[in-house]
Amino acid sequence: MEGTVGRTTRRAAGTGAENVPLARRTYELIREDILSQRLLPRETLIEVELSERYGVSKTPVREALLALAQTGLVESLAFRGWRVKHFTADDAREIYEIREVLEPYALRAAVPHMTDERLARLHQILSDARRAIEDGDLPTLSRLNRLYHIELVEPCGNSRIVGFLHRLQDQLRVMAVRTWSRAASYRREADQHEAILAAVEAGDGERAARLLRSHIVEFRRRYVEVSGVER
């Protein structure tokens, strides 16, 4: 599989999308490999090896790694290179404590501003997520789950909250795939998503916010329990 990934990404980096800066294309390739767990937590990232993997020079690789560090997907090893970020129990606690406060608040504010078009998109996301579950496609499922959460809160009227939650999305996707690979809780979470959406459609912002908070708290506990992560 690794050889196939290398060949695929080299072609992608070297052909098409000429108007996209090379560092940006390299960033997207490394990011996708992290989100798809082709690059695993704690895995060392060596610039010369990544250059060969993606068919580019070391400069765009270095720029891509710097950008990925800003999103929290990779971390510097203090003059010893880079590695894929491993999310500890404290990482999960901090990220999910933020979500427990911000997302229910934003959803409560968003409910009165939900449009039929947005509700239709949310239903489509949940339908696509069910299909990803049946296909066993966890990377796609994690992307759809994150899209669902953003679609829920976007009408809240606070662009800073929405932007901040956007910036957490890739970290949340990594944690989701890691958790599901050890405990297949995604069907229960899909049911919870549908219950939240039903409350939103009923115009019950308080219930929707309460269900969302419980959903977030439960996932954080599960991540710590099944991942065996240290503090």
Protein backbone atom coordinates (compact mmCIF):
# COMPACT_ATOMS: atom_id res chain seq x y z
CA MET A 1 0.00 0.00 0.00
CA GLU A 2 2.79 2.44 0.89
CA GLY A 3 4.37 2.13 -2.52
CA THR A 4 1.03 2.78 -4.18
CA VAL A 5 0.47 5.86 -2.06
CA GLY A 6 3.90 7.17 -2.99
CA ARG A 7 3.31 6.72 -6.73
CA THR A 8 -0.13 8.31 -6.54
CA THR A 9 0.98 11.35 -4.62
CA ARG A 10 4.04 11.92 -6.81
CA ARG A 11 1.80 12.07 -9.87
CA ALA A 12 -0.61 14.39 -8.08
CA ALA A 13 2.16 16.74 -7.00
CA GLY A 14 3.71 16.91 -10.41
CA THR A 15 0.71 17.21 -12.73
CA GLY A 16 -2.37 19.38 -12.97
CA ALA A 17 -3.45 22.36 -10.89
CA GLU A 18 -0.46 24.35 -12.15
CA ASN A 19 -2.00 27.54 -10.82
CA VAL A 20 -1.87 26.20 -7.25
CA PRO A 21 1.43 26.88 -5.44
CA LEU A 22 3.52 23.74 -5.07
CA ALA A 23 3.79 24.16 -1.29
CA ARG A 24 -0.01 24.28 -1.07
CA ARG A 25 -0.41 21.12 -3.13
CA THR A 26 2.22 19.39 -1.00
CA TYR A 27 0.43 20.56 2.14
CA GLU A 28 -2.84 19.03 0.91
CA LEU A 29 -1.15 15.72 0.08
CA ILE A 30 0.55 15.39 3.47
CA ARG A 31 -2.63 16.52 5.22
CA GLU A 32 -4.71 13.90 3.41
CA ASP A 33 -2.21 11.17 4.29
CA ILE A 34 -2.44 12.16 7.97
CA LEU A 35 -6.23 12.32 7.95
CA SER A 36 -6.41 8.95 6.18
CA GLN A 37 -3.88 7.43 8.62
CA ARG A 38 -1.38 6.62 5.90
CA LEU A 39 0.88 8.72 8.12
CA LEU A 40 0.29 7.72 11.73
CA PRO A 41 0.52 9.55 15.07
CA ARG A 42 4.13 9.90 16.29
CA GLU A 43 5.47 8.95 12.85
CA THR A 44 8.68 10.84 12.07
CA LEU A 45 8.49 13.05 9.01
CA ILE A 46 11.83 13.35 7.24
CA GLU A 47 11.96 16.06 4.60
CA VAL A 48 14.09 14.13 2.10
CA GLU A 49 11.79 11.10 2.35
CA LEU A 50 8.69 13.25 1.91
CA SER A 51 10.32 14.92 -1.09
CA GLU A 52 10.71 11.52 -2.71
CA ARG A 53 7.24 10.41 -1.67
CA TYR A 54 5.54 13.42 -3.24
CA GLY A 55 7.97 14.08 -6.08
CA VAL A 56 8.92 17.61 -5.03
CA SER A 57 11.98 19.39 -3.66
CA LYS A 58 12.56 19.90 0.06
CA THR A 59 11.49 23.56 0.01
CA PRO A 60 7.74 22.99 -0.58
CA VAL A 61 7.87 20.09 1.89
CA ARG A 62 9.37 22.35 4.55
CA GLU A 63 6.79 25.06 3.86
CA ALA A 64 3.98 22.49 4.00
CA LEU A 65 5.19 21.12 7.34
CA LEU A 66 5.36 24.62 8.82
CA ALA A 67 1.76 25.23 7.73
CA LEU A 68 0.62 21.85 9.08
CA ALA A 69 2.22 22.67 12.42
CA GLN A 70 0.01 25.76 12.59
CA THR A 71 -3.09 23.57 12.18
CA GLY A 72 -1.87 21.20 14.90
CA LEU A 73 -1.43 18.14 12.69
CA VAL A 74 2.37 17.95 12.97
CA GLU A 75 4.87 19.09 15.57
CA SER A 76 8.53 20.07 15.54
CA LEU A 77 11.08 17.85 17.28
CA ALA A 78 13.42 20.71 18.24
CA PHE A 79 16.08 20.61 15.52
CA ARG A 80 15.41 16.89 14.92
CA GLY A 81 12.76 17.22 12.25
CA TRP A 82 9.01 16.71 12.48
CA ARG A 83 6.47 14.11 13.44
CA VAL A 84 2.75 13.55 13.12
CA LYS A 85 0.96 14.97 16.14
CA HIS A 86 -0.14 12.43 18.76
CA PHE A 87 -3.15 13.74 20.67
CA THR A 88 -2.90 13.02 24.38
CA ALA A 89 -5.66 12.90 26.96
CA ASP A 90 -4.87 16.50 27.89
CA ASP A 91 -5.08 17.53 24.23
CA ALA A 92 -8.50 15.91 23.97
CA ARG A 93 -9.66 17.50 27.22
CA GLU A 94 -8.62 20.98 26.13
CA ILE A 95 -10.11 20.71 22.64
CA TYR A 96 -13.37 19.18 23.80
CA GLU A 97 -13.79 21.57 26.71
CA ILE A 98 -13.71 24.37 24.14
CA ARG A 99 -16.28 22.56 22.01
CA GLU A 100 -18.53 21.86 25.00
CA VAL A 101 -18.81 25.59 25.60
CA LEU A 102 -18.78 27.05 22.09
CA GLU A 103 -20.76 24.62 19.95
CA PRO A 104 -23.94 24.35 22.05
CA TYR A 105 -23.93 28.13 22.51
CA ALA A 106 -23.54 28.65 18.76
CA LEU A 107 -26.20 26.08 17.90
CA ARG A 108 -28.71 27.66 20.27
CA ALA A 109 -28.14 30.98 18.49
CA ALA A 110 -28.24 29.35 15.05
CA VAL A 111 -31.56 27.50 15.33
CA PRO A 112 -33.82 30.54 14.69
CA HIS A 113 -31.86 31.27 11.49
CA MET A 114 -31.95 27.80 9.93
CA THR A 115 -33.18 27.82 6.33
CA ASP A 116 -34.83 25.03 4.40
CA GLU A 117 -31.73 24.89 2.19
CA ARG A 118 -29.42 24.38 5.16
CA LEU A 119 -31.69 21.74 6.67
CA ALA A 120 -31.69 19.92 3.33
CA ARG A 121 -27.87 20.03 3.27
CA LEU A 122 -27.72 18.66 6.80
CA HIS A 123 -30.02 15.78 5.88
CA GLN A 124 -27.86 15.04 2.82
CA ILE A 125 -24.71 15.03 4.95
CA LEU A 126 -26.28 12.52 7.34
CA SER A 127 -27.40 10.35 4.42
CA ASP A 128 -23.91 10.42 2.93
CA ALA A 129 -22.46 9.60 6.36
CA ARG A 130 -24.69 6.53 6.67
CA ARG A 131 -23.40 5.40 3.28
CA ALA A 132 -19.79 5.91 4.41
CA ILE A 133 -20.53 3.81 7.49
CA GLU A 134 -21.84 0.97 5.34
CA ASP A 135 -18.78 1.25 3.10
CA GLY A 136 -16.41 1.28 6.08
CA ASP A 137 -14.93 4.55 4.77
CA LEU A 138 -13.80 6.18 8.01
CA PRO A 139 -11.82 9.10 6.49
CA THR A 140 -14.88 10.14 4.46
CA LEU A 141 -17.10 9.67 7.50
CA SER A 142 -14.85 11.90 9.60
CA ARG A 143 -14.98 14.61 6.92
CA LEU A 144 -18.78 14.44 6.75
CA ASN A 145 -19.11 14.53 10.53
CA ARG A 146 -17.00 17.65 10.75
CA LEU A 147 -18.98 19.23 7.91
CA TYR A 148 -22.21 18.45 9.77
CA HIS A 149 -20.99 20.19 12.91
CA ILE A 150 -19.92 23.30 11.01
CA GLU A 151 -23.19 23.46 9.04
CA LEU A 152 -25.09 23.34 12.34
CA VAL A 153 -23.44 26.39 13.84
CA GLU A 154 -22.69 28.60 10.83
CA PRO A 155 -25.93 30.65 11.11
CA CYS A 156 -25.15 31.63 14.72
CA GLY A 157 -24.18 35.17 13.76
CA ASN A 158 -20.69 35.03 15.27
CA SER A 159 -18.06 34.57 12.58
CA ARG A 160 -15.22 34.37 15.11
CA ILE A 161 -16.73 31.36 16.86
CA VAL A 162 -17.37 29.65 13.53
CA GLY A 163 -13.84 30.44 12.33
CA PHE A 164 -12.29 29.13 15.53
CA LEU A 165 -14.26 25.88 15.29
CA HIS A 166 -13.21 25.57 11.65
CA ARG A 167 -9.57 25.68 12.73
CA LEU A 168 -10.12 22.72 15.06
CA GLN A 169 -11.63 20.52 12.36
CA ASP A 170 -8.55 18.63 11.16
CA GLN A 171 -7.51 17.79 14.74
CA LEU A 172 -11.02 16.52 15.42
CA ARG A 173 -10.96 14.38 12.27
CA VAL A 174 -7.73 12.69 13.35
CA MET A 175 -9.17 11.92 16.78
CA ALA A 176 -12.41 10.60 15.29
CA VAL A 177 -10.72 8.13 12.94
CA ARG A 178 -8.39 6.99 15.70
CA THR A 179 -11.30 6.33 18.06
CA TRP A 180 -13.45 4.54 15.47
CA SER A 181 -10.57 2.25 14.48
CA ARG A 182 -10.61 0.92 18.05
CA ALA A 183 -14.32 1.14 18.91
CA ALA A 184 -16.95 1.38 16.19
CA SER A 185 -19.12 3.99 17.90
CA TYR A 186 -20.02 5.80 14.69
CA ARG A 187 -23.51 4.28 14.37
CA ARG A 188 -24.46 5.58 17.81
CA GLU A 189 -23.00 8.97 16.91
CA ALA A 190 -24.99 8.98 13.66
CA ASP A 191 -28.16 8.39 15.70
CA GLN A 192 -27.20 11.30 17.96
CA HIS A 193 -26.66 13.54 14.94
CA GLU A 194 -30.16 12.71 13.70
CA ALA A 195 -31.68 13.47 17.12
CA ILE A 196 -29.91 16.83 17.21
CA LEU A 197 -31.16 17.67 13.72
CA ALA A 198 -34.72 16.69 14.69
CA ALA A 199 -34.58 19.17 17.58
CA VAL A 200 -33.23 21.84 15.25
CA GLU A 201 -36.07 21.24 12.78
CA ALA A 202 -38.57 21.50 15.62
CA GLY A 203 -37.13 24.90 16.48
CA ASP A 204 -36.11 23.72 19.95
CA GLY A 205 -32.72 25.37 20.36
CA GLU A 206 -32.40 24.46 24.03
CA ARG A 207 -32.93 20.75 23.40
CA ALA A 208 -30.66 20.77 20.37
CA ALA A 209 -27.89 22.45 22.38
CA ARG A 210 -28.33 20.00 25.25
CA LEU A 211 -28.14 17.00 22.94
CA LEU A 212 -25.09 18.42 21.20
CA ARG A 213 -23.24 18.97 24.46
CA SER A 214 -23.96 15.40 25.60
CA HIS A 215 -22.73 14.13 22.23
CA ILE A 216 -19.45 16.06 22.57
CA VAL A 217 -18.86 15.00 26.19
CA GLU A 218 -19.50 11.35 25.39
CA PHE A 219 -17.05 11.32 22.49
CA ARG A 220 -14.28 12.92 24.56
CA ARG A 221 -14.67 10.25 27.24
CA ARG A 222 -14.64 7.52 24.62
CA TYR A 223 -11.50 8.89 22.97
CA VAL A 224 -9.58 8.79 26.23
CA GLU A 225 -10.92 5.34 27.16
CA VAL A 226 -10.36 3.47 23.92
CA SER A 227 -7.21 5.19 22.67
CA GLY A 228 -5.14 4.48 25.75
CA VAL A 229 -3.62 7.94 25.45
CA GLU A 230 -1.42 9.33 28.17
CA ARG A 231 -1.59 12.76 29.70
